C-alpha atoms as a PDB file:
ATOM      1  CA  MET A   1    -183.642  55.229  20.764  1.00  0.00           C
ATOM      2  CA  LYS A   2    -185.105  52.833  23.262  1.00  0.00           C
ATOM      3  CA  LYS A   3    -187.678  50.513  21.769  1.00  0.00           C
ATOM      4  CA  VAL A   4    -190.891  49.873  23.667  1.00  0.00           C
ATOM      5  CA  GLN A   5    -193.545  47.316  22.800  1.00  0.00           C
ATOM      6  CA  ILE A   6    -197.067  48.588  22.060  1.00  0.00           C
ATOM      7  CA  LYS A   7    -198.548  46.078  24.527  1.00  0.00           C
ATOM      8  CA  THR A   8    -196.348  47.512  27.275  1.00  0.00           C
ATOM      9  CA  LEU A   9    -197.467  51.060  26.527  1.00  0.00           C
ATOM     10  CA  ALA A  10    -201.109  50.010  26.441  1.00  0.00           C
ATOM     11  CA  GLY A  11    -200.655  48.248  29.792  1.00  0.00           C
ATOM     12  CA  ILE A  12    -199.096  51.338  31.355  1.00  0.00           C
ATOM     13  CA  PHE A  13    -201.943  53.511  30.117  1.00  0.00           C
ATOM     14  CA  ALA A  14    -204.582  51.027  31.322  1.00  0.00           C
ATOM     15  CA  LEU A  15    -202.919  50.975  34.751  1.00  0.00           C
ATOM     16  CA  ALA A  16    -202.965  54.770  34.854  1.00  0.00           C
ATOM     17  CA  LEU A  17    -206.673  54.778  34.070  1.00  0.00           C
ATOM     18  CA  PHE A  18    -207.289  52.170  36.782  1.00  0.00           C
ATOM     19  CA  VAL A  19    -205.457  54.284  39.350  1.00  0.00           C
ATOM     20  CA  THR A  20    -207.442  57.311  38.211  1.00  0.00           C
ATOM     21  CA  GLY A  21    -210.655  55.351  38.683  1.00  0.00           C
ATOM     22  CA  GLN A  22    -209.612  54.306  42.188  1.00  0.00           C
ATOM     23  CA  ILE A  23    -208.858  57.918  43.071  1.00  0.00           C
ATOM     24  CA  GLN A  24    -212.338  58.892  41.971  1.00  0.00           C
ATOM     25  CA  VAL A  25    -214.073  55.915  43.644  1.00  0.00           C
ATOM     26  CA  TYR A  26    -212.533  56.715  47.027  1.00  0.00           C
ATOM     27  CA  GLY A  27    -213.496  60.358  46.701  1.00  0.00           C
ATOM     28  CA  TRP A  28    -209.999  61.829  46.576  1.00  0.00           C
ATOM     29  CA  SER A  29    -211.033  64.276  43.858  1.00  0.00           C
ATOM     30  CA  GLY A  30    -214.051  66.396  43.099  1.00  0.00           C
ATOM     31  CA  GLY A  31    -216.092  66.341  39.913  1.00  0.00           C
ATOM     32  CA  SER A  32    -213.580  66.446  37.108  1.00  0.00           C
ATOM     33  CA  ALA A  33    -215.592  66.620  33.873  1.00  0.00           C
ATOM     34  CA  PRO A  34    -216.116  69.911  32.023  1.00  0.00           C
ATOM     35  CA  GLN A  35    -219.733  71.051  32.124  1.00  0.00           C
ATOM     36  CA  SER A  36    -221.900  72.348  29.289  1.00  0.00           C
ATOM     37  CA  GLY A  37    -220.738  75.696  27.928  1.00  0.00           C
ATOM     38  CA  GLN A  38    -217.243  75.534  29.417  1.00  0.00           C
ATOM     39  CA  PHE A  39    -214.029  76.115  27.485  1.00  0.00           C
ATOM     40  CA  THR A  40    -210.945  74.058  28.317  1.00  0.00           C
ATOM     41  CA  VAL A  41    -207.275  74.706  27.489  1.00  0.00           C
ATOM     42  CA  GLY A  42    -204.391  72.387  28.216  1.00  0.00           C
ATOM     43  CA  GLY A  43    -201.107  70.809  27.248  1.00  0.00           C
ATOM     44  CA  ARG A  44    -199.788  67.232  27.059  1.00  0.00           C
ATOM     45  CA  PHE A  45    -196.453  65.436  26.698  1.00  0.00           C
ATOM     46  CA  GLY A  46    -195.913  61.876  25.571  1.00  0.00           C
ATOM     47  CA  GLY A  47    -194.601  59.517  22.907  1.00  0.00           C
ATOM     48  CA  THR A  48    -195.378  57.987  19.524  1.00  0.00           C
ATOM     49  CA  LEU A  49    -194.723  54.404  18.421  1.00  0.00           C
ATOM     50  CA  GLY A  50    -195.536  52.242  15.414  1.00  0.00           C
ATOM     51  CA  PHE A  51    -195.190  52.702  11.658  1.00  0.00           C
ATOM     52  CA  THR A  52    -195.915  50.554   8.629  1.00  0.00           C
ATOM     53  CA  GLY A  53    -195.332  50.691   4.916  1.00  0.00           C
ATOM     54  CA  SER A  54    -193.407  49.114   2.079  1.00  0.00           C
ATOM     55  CA  PHE A  55    -189.681  49.431   2.727  1.00  0.00           C
ATOM     56  CA  THR A  56    -188.506  47.929  -0.582  1.00  0.00           C
ATOM     57  CA  ASP A  57    -187.618  51.271  -2.186  1.00  0.00           C
ATOM     58  CA  VAL A  58    -185.988  52.513   1.021  1.00  0.00           C
ATOM     59  CA  GLU A  59    -184.015  49.278   1.316  1.00  0.00           C
ATOM     60  CA  ASN A  60    -182.837  49.547  -2.291  1.00  0.00           C
ATOM     61  CA  MET A  61    -181.774  53.158  -1.759  1.00  0.00           C
ATOM     62  CA  LEU A  62    -179.690  52.198   1.306  1.00  0.00           C
ATOM     63  CA  ARG A  63    -178.234  49.005  -0.160  1.00  0.00           C
ATOM     64  CA  THR A  64    -174.981  50.744  -1.117  1.00  0.00           C
ATOM     65  CA  PHE A  65    -174.438  51.342   2.608  1.00  0.00           C
ATOM     66  CA  PHE A  66    -175.060  47.701   3.615  1.00  0.00           C
ATOM     67  CA  SER A  67    -171.992  45.605   4.475  1.00  0.00           C
ATOM     68  CA  ASN A  68    -173.965  42.620   3.171  1.00  0.00           C
ATOM     69  CA  PRO A  69    -175.433  43.427  -0.292  1.00  0.00           C
ATOM     70  CA  ASP A  70    -177.736  40.388  -0.121  1.00  0.00           C
ATOM     71  CA  ALA A  71    -179.179  41.289   3.272  1.00  0.00           C
ATOM     72  CA  ILE A  72    -182.928  41.649   3.727  1.00  0.00           C
ATOM     73  CA  ALA A  73    -183.798  44.613   5.925  1.00  0.00           C
ATOM     74  CA  SER A  74    -186.435  44.724   8.641  1.00  0.00           C
ATOM     75  CA  ALA A  75    -188.061  47.723  10.308  1.00  0.00           C
ATOM     76  CA  ASP A  76    -188.524  48.258  14.040  1.00  0.00           C
ATOM     77  CA  PRO A  77    -190.610  51.101  15.487  1.00  0.00           C
ATOM     78  CA  GLU A  78    -188.954  53.652  17.737  1.00  0.00           C
ATOM     79  CA  LEU A  79    -190.442  55.598  20.613  1.00  0.00           C
ATOM     80  CA  ASN A  80    -190.347  59.336  19.889  1.00  0.00           C
ATOM     81  CA  PHE A  81    -191.440  62.521  21.584  1.00  0.00           C
ATOM     82  CA  THR A  82    -194.730  64.393  21.195  1.00  0.00           C
ATOM     83  CA  PHE A  83    -196.255  67.441  22.843  1.00  0.00           C
ATOM     84  CA  ALA A  84    -199.547  69.217  22.253  1.00  0.00           C
ATOM     85  CA  LEU A  85    -201.451  72.396  23.063  1.00  0.00           C
ATOM     86  CA  TYR A  86    -205.205  72.125  22.772  1.00  0.00           C
ATOM     87  CA  GLY A  87    -208.570  73.649  23.479  1.00  0.00           C
ATOM     88  CA  ASN A  88    -212.090  72.293  23.585  1.00  0.00           C
ATOM     89  CA  TYR A  89    -215.649  73.464  24.079  1.00  0.00           C
ATOM     90  CA  ALA A  90    -218.257  71.403  25.934  1.00  0.00           C
ATOM     91  CA  ILE A  91    -221.441  71.350  23.848  1.00  0.00           C
ATOM     92  CA  THR A  92    -223.172  69.331  26.586  1.00  0.00           C
ATOM     93  CA  ASN A  93    -222.000  67.795  29.855  1.00  0.00           C
ATOM     94  CA  ARG A  94    -220.808  64.743  27.886  1.00  0.00           C
ATOM     95  CA  ILE A  95    -220.010  65.939  24.354  1.00  0.00           C
ATOM     96  CA  SER A  96    -217.265  68.363  23.373  1.00  0.00           C
ATOM     97  CA  ILE A  97    -215.279  69.466  20.326  1.00  0.00           C
ATOM     98  CA  GLN A  98    -211.484  69.646  20.589  1.00  0.00           C
ATOM     99  CA  THR A  99    -208.747  70.966  18.317  1.00  0.00           C
ATOM    100  CA  GLU A 100    -204.994  70.721  18.854  1.00  0.00           C
ATOM    101  CA  LEU A 101    -201.538  71.753  17.777  1.00  0.00           C
ATOM    102  CA  ASN A 102    -199.804  68.399  18.194  1.00  0.00           C
ATOM    103  CA  PHE A 103    -196.045  68.340  17.521  1.00  0.00           C
ATOM    104  CA  LEU A 104    -194.539  64.896  16.813  1.00  0.00           C
ATOM    105  CA  ILE A 105    -190.754  65.144  16.952  1.00  0.00           C
ATOM    106  CA  ASN A 106    -188.401  62.757  15.101  1.00  0.00           C
ATOM    107  CA  GLN A 107    -191.077  60.116  14.591  1.00  0.00           C
ATOM    108  CA  GLY A 108    -190.038  57.109  12.560  1.00  0.00           C
ATOM    109  CA  TYR A 109    -188.375  53.696  12.668  1.00  0.00           C
ATOM    110  CA  GLU A 110    -185.068  51.882  12.594  1.00  0.00           C
ATOM    111  CA  LEU A 111    -184.209  49.886   9.471  1.00  0.00           C
ATOM    112  CA  GLN A 112    -181.828  46.983  10.166  1.00  0.00           C
ATOM    113  CA  ALA A 113    -179.962  44.512   7.955  1.00  0.00           C
ATOM    114  CA  PRO A 114    -177.501  41.756   9.019  1.00  0.00           C
ATOM    115  CA  ARG A 115    -173.881  42.371   8.094  1.00  0.00           C
ATOM    116  CA  GLN A 116    -171.577  39.787   6.507  1.00  0.00           C
ATOM    117  CA  GLU A 117    -169.642  39.754   9.755  1.00  0.00           C
ATOM    118  CA  ARG A 118    -171.320  39.904  13.157  1.00  0.00           C
ATOM    119  CA  GLY A 119    -173.682  42.745  13.885  1.00  0.00           C
ATOM    120  CA  LEU A 120    -176.201  44.845  12.006  1.00  0.00           C
ATOM    121  CA  ASP A 121    -176.293  47.781   9.661  1.00  0.00           C
ATOM    122  CA  SER A 122    -178.784  50.124  11.257  1.00  0.00           C
ATOM    123  CA  PHE A 123    -180.420  53.328  10.019  1.00  0.00           C
ATOM    124  CA  ASP A 124    -182.833  55.665  11.814  1.00  0.00           C
ATOM    125  CA  ILE A 125    -185.426  57.182   9.451  1.00  0.00           C
ATOM    126  CA  ASN A 126    -187.237  60.126  11.029  1.00  0.00           C
ATOM    127  CA  TYR A 127    -189.250  63.245  10.346  1.00  0.00           C
ATOM    128  CA  SER A 128    -191.229  65.736  12.418  1.00  0.00           C
ATOM    129  CA  SER A 129    -194.763  66.995  11.870  1.00  0.00           C
ATOM    130  CA  LEU A 130    -197.445  69.303  13.175  1.00  0.00           C
ATOM    131  CA  ASP A 131    -200.760  67.421  13.392  1.00  0.00           C
ATOM    132  CA  ILE A 132    -203.968  69.472  13.656  1.00  0.00           C
ATOM    133  CA  PRO A 133    -206.947  67.234  14.538  1.00  0.00           C
ATOM    134  CA  LEU A 134    -210.610  68.137  14.953  1.00  0.00           C
ATOM    135  CA  LEU A 135    -211.975  65.682  17.506  1.00  0.00           C
ATOM    136  CA  LEU A 136    -215.426  64.811  18.766  1.00  0.00           C
ATOM    137  CA  ARG A 137    -215.107  63.752  22.408  1.00  0.00           C
ATOM    138  CA  VAL A 138    -217.791  61.750  24.247  1.00  0.00           C
ATOM    139  CA  ASN A 139    -217.461  61.477  28.012  1.00  0.00           C
ATOM    140  CA  PHE A 140    -219.114  58.353  29.466  1.00  0.00           C
ATOM    141  CA  LEU A 141    -219.398  59.706  33.026  1.00  0.00           C
ATOM    142  CA  ARG A 142    -221.462  62.718  34.023  1.00  0.00           C
ATOM    143  CA  TYR A 143    -219.103  64.178  36.629  1.00  0.00           C
ATOM    144  CA  ARG A 144    -215.900  62.229  35.915  1.00  0.00           C
ATOM    145  CA  LEU A 145    -213.612  62.286  32.918  1.00  0.00           C
ATOM    146  CA  PHE A 146    -213.359  59.093  30.891  1.00  0.00           C
ATOM    147  CA  GLY A 147    -214.447  58.577  27.303  1.00  0.00           C
ATOM    148  CA  ILE A 148    -213.662  58.200  23.615  1.00  0.00           C
ATOM    149  CA  MET A 149    -212.610  60.649  20.912  1.00  0.00           C
ATOM    150  CA  ALA A 150    -212.296  60.509  17.133  1.00  0.00           C
ATOM    151  CA  GLY A 151    -211.920  62.769  14.142  1.00  0.00           C
ATOM    152  CA  PRO A 152    -209.931  63.799  11.061  1.00  0.00           C
ATOM    153  CA  GLN A 153    -206.619  65.625  11.107  1.00  0.00           C
ATOM    154  CA  ILE A 154    -204.168  67.394   8.836  1.00  0.00           C
ATOM    155  CA  SER A 155    -200.501  66.485   9.270  1.00  0.00           C
ATOM    156  CA  ILE A 156    -197.942  69.083   8.116  1.00  0.00           C
ATOM    157  CA  PRO A 157    -194.311  67.889   7.790  1.00  0.00           C
ATOM    158  CA  ILE A 158    -191.721  70.084   9.521  1.00  0.00           C
ATOM    159  CA  GLY A 159    -188.225  70.233   8.074  1.00  0.00           C
ATOM    160  CA  ARG A 160    -186.723  67.311   6.164  1.00  0.00           C
ATOM    161  CA  LEU A 161    -186.823  63.547   6.329  1.00  0.00           C
ATOM    162  CA  GLU A 162    -183.523  62.409   7.881  1.00  0.00           C
ATOM    163  CA  ILE A 163    -181.613  59.132   7.528  1.00  0.00           C
ATOM    164  CA  TYR A 164    -179.021  58.496  10.239  1.00  0.00           C
ATOM    165  CA  ASP A 165    -176.403  55.737  10.031  1.00  0.00           C
ATOM    166  CA  ASN A 166    -176.081  54.313  13.552  1.00  0.00           C
ATOM    167  CA  ARG A 167    -172.823  52.514  12.745  1.00  0.00           C
ATOM    168  CA  THR A 168    -170.930  55.580  11.502  1.00  0.00           C
ATOM    169  CA  GLU A 169    -172.982  57.963  13.690  1.00  0.00           C
ATOM    170  CA  MET A 170    -173.560  60.293  10.746  1.00  0.00           C
ATOM    171  CA  TYR A 171    -176.535  61.604   8.789  1.00  0.00           C
ATOM    172  CA  ILE A 172    -176.264  60.184   5.290  1.00  0.00           C
ATOM    173  CA  GLU A 173    -179.347  61.918   3.848  1.00  0.00           C
ATOM    174  CA  LYS A 174    -181.561  64.901   4.644  1.00  0.00           C
ATOM    175  CA  MET A 175    -184.282  64.816   2.023  1.00  0.00           C
ATOM    176  CA  ASN A 176    -187.009  67.296   1.118  1.00  0.00           C
ATOM    177  CA  ILE A 177    -190.496  65.872   1.735  1.00  0.00           C
ATOM    178  CA  ASP A 178    -192.647  65.931  -1.411  1.00  0.00           C
ATOM    179  CA  SER A 179    -196.062  66.825   0.029  1.00  0.00           C
ATOM    180  CA  SER A 180    -196.945  69.924   2.051  1.00  0.00           C
ATOM    181  CA  PHE A 181    -199.549  68.012   4.107  1.00  0.00           C
ATOM    182  CA  SER A 182    -201.315  64.668   4.456  1.00  0.00           C
ATOM    183  CA  LEU A 183    -204.709  63.581   5.793  1.00  0.00           C
ATOM    184  CA  SER A 184    -205.301  61.190   8.677  1.00  0.00           C
ATOM    185  CA  LEU A 185    -207.876  59.840  11.079  1.00  0.00           C
ATOM    186  CA  THR A 186    -207.278  59.525  14.802  1.00  0.00           C
ATOM    187  CA  ALA A 187    -209.293  57.847  17.555  1.00  0.00           C
ATOM    188  CA  GLY A 188    -208.705  56.788  21.133  1.00  0.00           C
ATOM    189  CA  LEU A 189    -209.459  57.035  24.851  1.00  0.00           C
ATOM    190  CA  PHE A 190    -209.057  59.859  27.339  1.00  0.00           C
ATOM    191  CA  GLY A 191    -209.360  60.164  31.100  1.00  0.00           C
ATOM    192  CA  GLY A 192    -208.506  62.474  33.961  1.00  0.00           C
ATOM    193  CA  PHE A 193    -209.003  63.496  37.570  1.00  0.00           C
ATOM    194  CA  ARG A 194    -209.265  66.742  39.488  1.00  0.00           C
ATOM    195  CA  ALA A 195    -206.005  68.251  40.764  1.00  0.00           C
ATOM    196  CA  GLY A 196    -205.821  71.801  42.079  1.00  0.00           C
ATOM    197  CA  LEU A 197    -207.528  74.336  39.805  1.00  0.00           C
ATOM    198  CA  GLY A 198    -207.693  71.931  36.883  1.00  0.00           C
ATOM    199  CA  ARG A 199    -207.278  68.289  35.906  1.00  0.00           C
ATOM    200  CA  VAL A 200    -204.462  65.830  35.304  1.00  0.00           C
ATOM    201  CA  VAL A 201    -205.355  64.178  31.997  1.00  0.00           C
ATOM    202  CA  GLY A 202    -204.103  61.356  29.819  1.00  0.00           C
ATOM    203  CA  ASP A 203    -204.994  59.896  26.456  1.00  0.00           C
ATOM    204  CA  MET A 204    -204.056  57.064  24.143  1.00  0.00           C
ATOM    205  CA  ARG A 205    -204.915  57.290  20.476  1.00  0.00           C
ATOM    206  CA  PHE A 206    -204.301  55.574  17.162  1.00  0.00           C
ATOM    207  CA  ILE A 207    -203.258  57.526  14.032  1.00  0.00           C
ATOM    208  CA  PHE A 208    -204.200  56.193  10.601  1.00  0.00           C
ATOM    209  CA  ASP A 209    -202.627  58.021   7.616  1.00  0.00           C
ATOM    210  CA  PHE A 210    -204.330  57.943   4.232  1.00  0.00           C
ATOM    211  CA  ASP A 211    -201.205  59.124   2.412  1.00  0.00           C
ATOM    212  CA  PRO A 212    -197.584  58.036   2.864  1.00  0.00           C
ATOM    213  CA  ILE A 213    -194.751  60.437   3.569  1.00  0.00           C
ATOM    214  CA  GLN A 214    -192.634  60.589   0.415  1.00  0.00           C
ATOM    215  CA  ALA A 215    -189.276  62.217  -0.175  1.00  0.00           C
ATOM    216  CA  GLU A 216    -187.806  62.510  -3.677  1.00  0.00           C
ATOM    217  CA  GLY A 217    -190.459  60.112  -4.955  1.00  0.00           C
ATOM    218  CA  ILE A 218    -189.740  57.355  -2.406  1.00  0.00           C
ATOM    219  CA  GLU A 219    -192.410  56.223   0.066  1.00  0.00           C
ATOM    220  CA  PHE A 220    -190.829  56.154   3.522  1.00  0.00           C
ATOM    221  CA  ILE A 221    -193.571  56.169   6.156  1.00  0.00           C
ATOM    222  CA  ARG A 222    -197.295  55.513   6.333  1.00  0.00           C
ATOM    223  CA  ARG A 223    -198.319  55.961   9.948  1.00  0.00           C
ATOM    224  CA  ARG A 224    -200.287  53.329  11.816  1.00  0.00           C
ATOM    225  CA  ALA A 225    -199.074  54.810  15.043  1.00  0.00           C
ATOM    226  CA  LEU A 226    -200.007  54.671  18.707  1.00  0.00           C
ATOM    227  CA  THR A 227    -199.554  57.851  20.737  1.00  0.00           C
ATOM    228  CA  PHE A 228    -199.924  58.230  24.480  1.00  0.00           C
ATOM    229  CA  SER A 229    -199.612  61.361  26.595  1.00  0.00           C
ATOM    230  CA  LEU A 230    -200.169  62.937  29.992  1.00  0.00           C
ATOM    231  CA  GLY A 231    -200.873  66.587  30.746  1.00  0.00           C
ATOM    232  CA  TYR A 232    -202.877  69.217  32.582  1.00  0.00           C
ATOM    233  CA  GLU A 233    -205.928  71.275  31.634  1.00  0.00           C
ATOM    234  CA  ILE A 234    -208.107  74.024  33.068  1.00  0.00           C
ATOM    235  CA  SER A 235    -211.779  74.784  32.322  1.00  0.00           C
ATOM    236  CA  PHE A 236    -213.458  78.154  32.612  1.00  0.00           C
END
């Protein structure tokens, strides 16, 4: 998958927020913030990037597949797909509570090791999850939509953890994930502007896992991940 730097993604999101602000400054949209007592439902699409953890056990497990047995592997994040359905309730004009069904598809990283000849041995390590956060959202602007959000979440793995050999173009392992769920914190920024009956919205958030994803006793992924997304919502 195409690799994208976190700074680039942050720059794109900041530019989108700037454009949104200009739209609002020049009066091209009406008041876009939910008001006290309103419910909001919406959906978003976007991507996830950035994982950390100790790869020693993973590297040792894959060493039989390396062309160079003395190679030291390195991990590179991959951009993967996410989509979410969500709802929130505005307690006041500026404070709301939001919960989500956030699907993160094939999130993970590429593990690379130099071969004895030219080139690399390369493996994609991925899994999917359903993240269910409970977020407190604070909107900084009374009639516009821009603010911060934070809260805990439960992450439920979906399916198996998969290891794909990019050189042979084959899955070499599909492993059962040990835990049924893990706990995380998430925090970030959101913004939006009026469009038709609802709002075009975007957010950028950071996911911090307390527990690693393990399969057959091996720690594969502990998320320190950046997600970004765009979508549409309606209040009533």
